[in-house]
């Protein structure tokens, strides 16, 4: 079970730069509007649950705020750094 958890964590780590890039590309005035977790997942060809977990990590880090079909970028420079991870 712990091996599976480590694999999921590793997979999410690789997803952070891709998701961060997508959020920056889609943002207008620091807001990504109208995109559900499913839309983001389809765009990156991953499971919705992976997007939800990765967005949660970015939210807990204080980089984004998640609202209904809206993601606000609170710290653009930190999100830009996340594209390099």
N, C-alpha and C. Protein backbone atom coordinates (compact mmCIF):
# COMPACT_ATOMS: atom_id res chain seq x y z
N UNK A 1 0.82 -1.20 0.00
CA UNK A 1 0.00 0.00 0.00
C UNK A 1 0.87 1.26 0.00
N UNK A 2 1.93 1.25 0.78
CA UNK A 2 2.81 2.42 0.83
C UNK A 2 3.48 2.64 -0.52
N UNK A 3 3.81 1.57 -1.23
CA UNK A 3 4.41 1.68 -2.55
C UNK A 3 3.46 2.42 -3.50
N UNK A 4 2.18 2.07 -3.45
CA UNK A 4 1.19 2.71 -4.29
C UNK A 4 1.10 4.19 -3.97
N UNK A 5 1.11 4.53 -2.68
CA UNK A 5 1.06 5.94 -2.27
C UNK A 5 2.27 6.70 -2.82
N UNK A 6 3.45 6.09 -2.76
CA UNK A 6 4.66 6.74 -3.28
C UNK A 6 4.57 6.93 -4.78
N UNK A 7 4.00 5.95 -5.49
CA UNK A 7 3.85 6.08 -6.94
C UNK A 7 2.87 7.20 -7.29
N UNK A 8 1.77 7.32 -6.55
CA UNK A 8 0.82 8.39 -6.79
C UNK A 8 1.46 9.75 -6.51
N UNK A 9 2.23 9.84 -5.44
CA UNK A 9 2.91 11.08 -5.11
C UNK A 9 3.91 11.45 -6.20
N UNK A 10 4.65 10.48 -6.69
CA UNK A 10 5.62 10.72 -7.77
C UNK A 10 4.91 11.20 -9.03
N UNK A 11 3.79 10.57 -9.36
CA UNK A 11 3.04 10.94 -10.56
C UNK A 11 2.52 12.38 -10.44
N UNK A 12 2.01 12.75 -9.26
CA UNK A 12 1.52 14.12 -9.06
C UNK A 12 2.65 15.12 -9.17
N UNK A 13 3.83 14.75 -8.66
CA UNK A 13 4.95 15.68 -8.74
C UNK A 13 5.26 16.02 -10.19
N UNK A 14 5.18 15.03 -11.06
CA UNK A 14 5.41 15.27 -12.48
C UNK A 14 4.28 16.05 -13.13
N UNK A 15 3.10 16.04 -12.51
CA UNK A 15 1.96 16.75 -13.06
C UNK A 15 1.97 18.23 -12.69
N UNK A 16 2.58 18.58 -11.60
CA UNK A 16 2.58 19.97 -11.15
C UNK A 16 3.10 20.93 -12.22
N UNK A 17 4.25 20.68 -12.85
CA UNK A 17 4.72 21.63 -13.88
C UNK A 17 3.77 21.74 -15.07
N UNK A 18 3.17 20.63 -15.46
CA UNK A 18 2.24 20.65 -16.59
C UNK A 18 0.98 21.42 -16.25
N UNK A 19 0.44 21.18 -15.06
CA UNK A 19 -0.76 21.89 -14.63
C UNK A 19 -0.46 23.37 -14.41
N UNK A 20 0.66 23.69 -13.81
CA UNK A 20 1.03 25.09 -13.58
C UNK A 20 1.13 25.83 -14.92
N UNK A 21 1.73 25.20 -15.91
CA UNK A 21 1.86 25.80 -17.23
C UNK A 21 0.48 26.05 -17.84
N UNK A 22 -0.40 25.05 -17.75
CA UNK A 22 -1.74 25.19 -18.30
C UNK A 22 -2.50 26.33 -17.61
N UNK A 23 -2.41 26.39 -16.29
CA UNK A 23 -3.11 27.46 -15.57
C UNK A 23 -2.60 28.84 -16.00
N UNK A 24 -1.30 28.98 -16.14
CA UNK A 24 -0.74 30.26 -16.57
C UNK A 24 -1.18 30.61 -17.99
N UNK A 25 -1.25 29.62 -18.86
CA UNK A 25 -1.67 29.85 -20.24
C UNK A 25 -3.14 30.25 -20.32
N UNK A 26 -3.96 29.67 -19.47
CA UNK A 26 -5.41 29.90 -19.53
C UNK A 26 -5.86 31.12 -18.72
N UNK A 27 -5.01 31.65 -17.87
CA UNK A 27 -5.40 32.74 -16.97
C UNK A 27 -5.57 34.06 -17.71
N UNK A 28 -6.62 34.76 -17.32
CA UNK A 28 -6.83 36.14 -17.76
C UNK A 28 -6.95 36.98 -16.50
N UNK A 29 -6.03 37.91 -16.34
CA UNK A 29 -5.98 38.74 -15.14
C UNK A 29 -5.92 37.90 -13.87
N UNK A 30 -5.16 36.82 -13.92
CA UNK A 30 -4.95 35.99 -12.74
C UNK A 30 -6.09 35.04 -12.43
N UNK A 31 -7.02 34.86 -13.37
CA UNK A 31 -8.17 33.99 -13.14
C UNK A 31 -8.34 33.02 -14.29
N UNK A 32 -8.48 31.75 -13.94
CA UNK A 32 -8.83 30.71 -14.92
C UNK A 32 -10.30 30.43 -14.68
N UNK A 33 -11.14 30.82 -15.64
CA UNK A 33 -12.59 30.69 -15.47
C UNK A 33 -13.16 29.67 -16.45
N UNK A 34 -14.21 28.99 -16.00
CA UNK A 34 -14.97 28.11 -16.87
C UNK A 34 -14.36 26.74 -17.12
N UNK A 35 -13.30 26.40 -16.42
CA UNK A 35 -12.67 25.09 -16.60
C UNK A 35 -12.88 24.24 -15.37
N UNK A 36 -13.54 23.12 -15.53
CA UNK A 36 -13.73 22.19 -14.42
C UNK A 36 -12.48 21.33 -14.27
N UNK A 37 -12.43 20.57 -13.19
CA UNK A 37 -11.32 19.62 -13.01
C UNK A 37 -11.29 18.64 -14.17
N UNK A 38 -12.47 18.25 -14.65
CA UNK A 38 -12.56 17.32 -15.79
C UNK A 38 -11.97 17.94 -17.05
N UNK A 39 -12.27 19.21 -17.31
CA UNK A 39 -11.70 19.89 -18.48
C UNK A 39 -10.17 19.92 -18.39
N UNK A 40 -9.66 20.26 -17.22
CA UNK A 40 -8.20 20.30 -17.03
C UNK A 40 -7.60 18.91 -17.24
N UNK A 41 -8.25 17.90 -16.68
CA UNK A 41 -7.76 16.52 -16.82
C UNK A 41 -7.76 16.08 -18.27
N UNK A 42 -8.84 16.37 -18.99
CA UNK A 42 -8.91 16.00 -20.40
C UNK A 42 -7.81 16.70 -21.20
N UNK A 43 -7.56 17.96 -20.89
CA UNK A 43 -6.54 18.72 -21.61
C UNK A 43 -5.14 18.13 -21.40
N UNK A 44 -4.89 17.62 -20.19
CA UNK A 44 -3.57 17.06 -19.87
C UNK A 44 -3.52 15.54 -19.98
N UNK A 45 -4.64 14.94 -20.39
CA UNK A 45 -4.73 13.48 -20.60
C UNK A 45 -4.38 12.71 -19.32
N UNK A 46 -5.00 13.13 -18.21
CA UNK A 46 -4.83 12.44 -16.93
C UNK A 46 -6.21 12.25 -16.31
N UNK A 47 -6.27 11.50 -15.22
CA UNK A 47 -7.53 11.29 -14.51
C UNK A 47 -7.92 12.54 -13.74
N UNK A 48 -9.22 12.79 -13.64
CA UNK A 48 -9.72 13.94 -12.90
C UNK A 48 -9.21 13.94 -11.46
N UNK A 49 -9.15 12.77 -10.86
CA UNK A 49 -8.68 12.67 -9.47
C UNK A 49 -7.25 13.20 -9.31
N UNK A 50 -6.43 12.98 -10.33
CA UNK A 50 -5.05 13.49 -10.28
C UNK A 50 -5.03 15.01 -10.30
N UNK A 51 -5.91 15.60 -11.11
CA UNK A 51 -6.00 17.06 -11.16
C UNK A 51 -6.49 17.60 -9.83
N UNK A 52 -7.51 16.96 -9.27
CA UNK A 52 -8.05 17.40 -7.98
C UNK A 52 -6.97 17.37 -6.90
N UNK A 53 -6.20 16.29 -6.86
CA UNK A 53 -5.13 16.17 -5.85
C UNK A 53 -4.04 17.22 -6.08
N UNK A 54 -3.67 17.45 -7.32
CA UNK A 54 -2.61 18.41 -7.63
C UNK A 54 -3.06 19.83 -7.36
N UNK A 55 -4.29 20.16 -7.74
CA UNK A 55 -4.83 21.48 -7.41
C UNK A 55 -4.86 21.67 -5.90
N UNK A 56 -5.18 20.61 -5.17
CA UNK A 56 -5.19 20.67 -3.71
C UNK A 56 -3.82 21.00 -3.15
N UNK A 57 -2.80 20.43 -3.74
CA UNK A 57 -1.43 20.73 -3.29
C UNK A 57 -1.10 22.20 -3.53
N UNK A 58 -1.46 22.71 -4.71
CA UNK A 58 -1.21 24.12 -5.02
C UNK A 58 -2.02 25.04 -4.11
N UNK A 59 -3.25 24.62 -3.79
CA UNK A 59 -4.10 25.40 -2.88
C UNK A 59 -3.51 25.43 -1.48
N UNK A 60 -3.11 24.25 -0.99
CA UNK A 60 -2.52 24.19 0.37
C UNK A 60 -1.23 24.99 0.46
N UNK A 61 -0.52 25.11 -0.64
CA UNK A 61 0.72 25.90 -0.66
C UNK A 61 0.42 27.39 -0.74
N UNK A 62 -0.85 27.75 -0.90
CA UNK A 62 -1.24 29.16 -0.96
C UNK A 62 -0.99 29.81 -2.31
N UNK A 63 -0.80 29.01 -3.34
CA UNK A 63 -0.50 29.54 -4.68
C UNK A 63 -1.77 29.88 -5.45
N UNK A 64 -2.83 29.09 -5.23
CA UNK A 64 -4.10 29.31 -5.92
C UNK A 64 -5.25 29.27 -4.92
N UNK A 65 -6.40 29.80 -5.35
CA UNK A 65 -7.64 29.63 -4.59
C UNK A 65 -8.65 29.03 -5.56
N UNK A 66 -9.35 28.01 -5.12
CA UNK A 66 -10.29 27.30 -5.98
C UNK A 66 -11.72 27.69 -5.60
N UNK A 67 -12.46 28.11 -6.62
CA UNK A 67 -13.87 28.42 -6.46
C UNK A 67 -14.62 27.61 -7.51
N UNK A 68 -15.91 27.73 -7.58
CA UNK A 68 -16.69 26.97 -8.55
C UNK A 68 -16.33 27.39 -9.98
N UNK A 69 -15.73 26.47 -10.74
CA UNK A 69 -15.29 26.69 -12.12
C UNK A 69 -14.38 27.91 -12.26
N UNK A 70 -13.72 28.28 -11.17
CA UNK A 70 -12.79 29.41 -11.19
C UNK A 70 -11.58 29.08 -10.33
N UNK A 71 -10.41 29.35 -10.88
CA UNK A 71 -9.17 29.19 -10.12
C UNK A 71 -8.47 30.54 -10.14
N UNK A 72 -8.24 31.09 -8.97
CA UNK A 72 -7.54 32.37 -8.86
C UNK A 72 -6.07 32.12 -8.53
N UNK A 73 -5.21 32.72 -9.31
CA UNK A 73 -3.78 32.63 -9.06
C UNK A 73 -3.42 33.71 -8.04
N UNK A 74 -3.01 33.28 -6.87
CA UNK A 74 -2.69 34.22 -5.79
C UNK A 74 -1.22 34.65 -5.82
N UNK A 75 -0.35 33.75 -6.27
CA UNK A 75 1.09 34.03 -6.33
C UNK A 75 1.64 33.56 -7.67
N UNK A 76 1.55 34.43 -8.66
CA UNK A 76 1.96 34.09 -10.03
C UNK A 76 3.42 33.66 -10.10
N UNK A 77 4.29 34.36 -9.39
CA UNK A 77 5.72 34.02 -9.48
C UNK A 77 6.00 32.62 -8.93
N UNK A 78 5.29 32.24 -7.88
CA UNK A 78 5.46 30.88 -7.34
C UNK A 78 4.91 29.84 -8.31
N UNK A 79 3.80 30.15 -8.98
CA UNK A 79 3.24 29.24 -9.97
C UNK A 79 4.19 29.12 -11.16
N UNK A 80 4.82 30.22 -11.56
CA UNK A 80 5.81 30.18 -12.63
C UNK A 80 6.99 29.30 -12.25
N UNK A 81 7.43 29.38 -10.99
CA UNK A 81 8.53 28.53 -10.53
C UNK A 81 8.11 27.06 -10.56
N UNK A 82 6.84 26.80 -10.27
CA UNK A 82 6.33 25.42 -10.28
C UNK A 82 6.39 24.79 -11.67
N UNK A 83 6.41 25.61 -12.72
CA UNK A 83 6.50 25.06 -14.07
C UNK A 83 7.88 24.44 -14.31
N UNK A 84 8.85 24.78 -13.50
CA UNK A 84 10.22 24.31 -13.67
C UNK A 84 10.55 23.07 -12.85
N UNK A 85 9.63 22.67 -11.95
CA UNK A 85 9.92 21.53 -11.05
C UNK A 85 10.04 20.22 -11.80
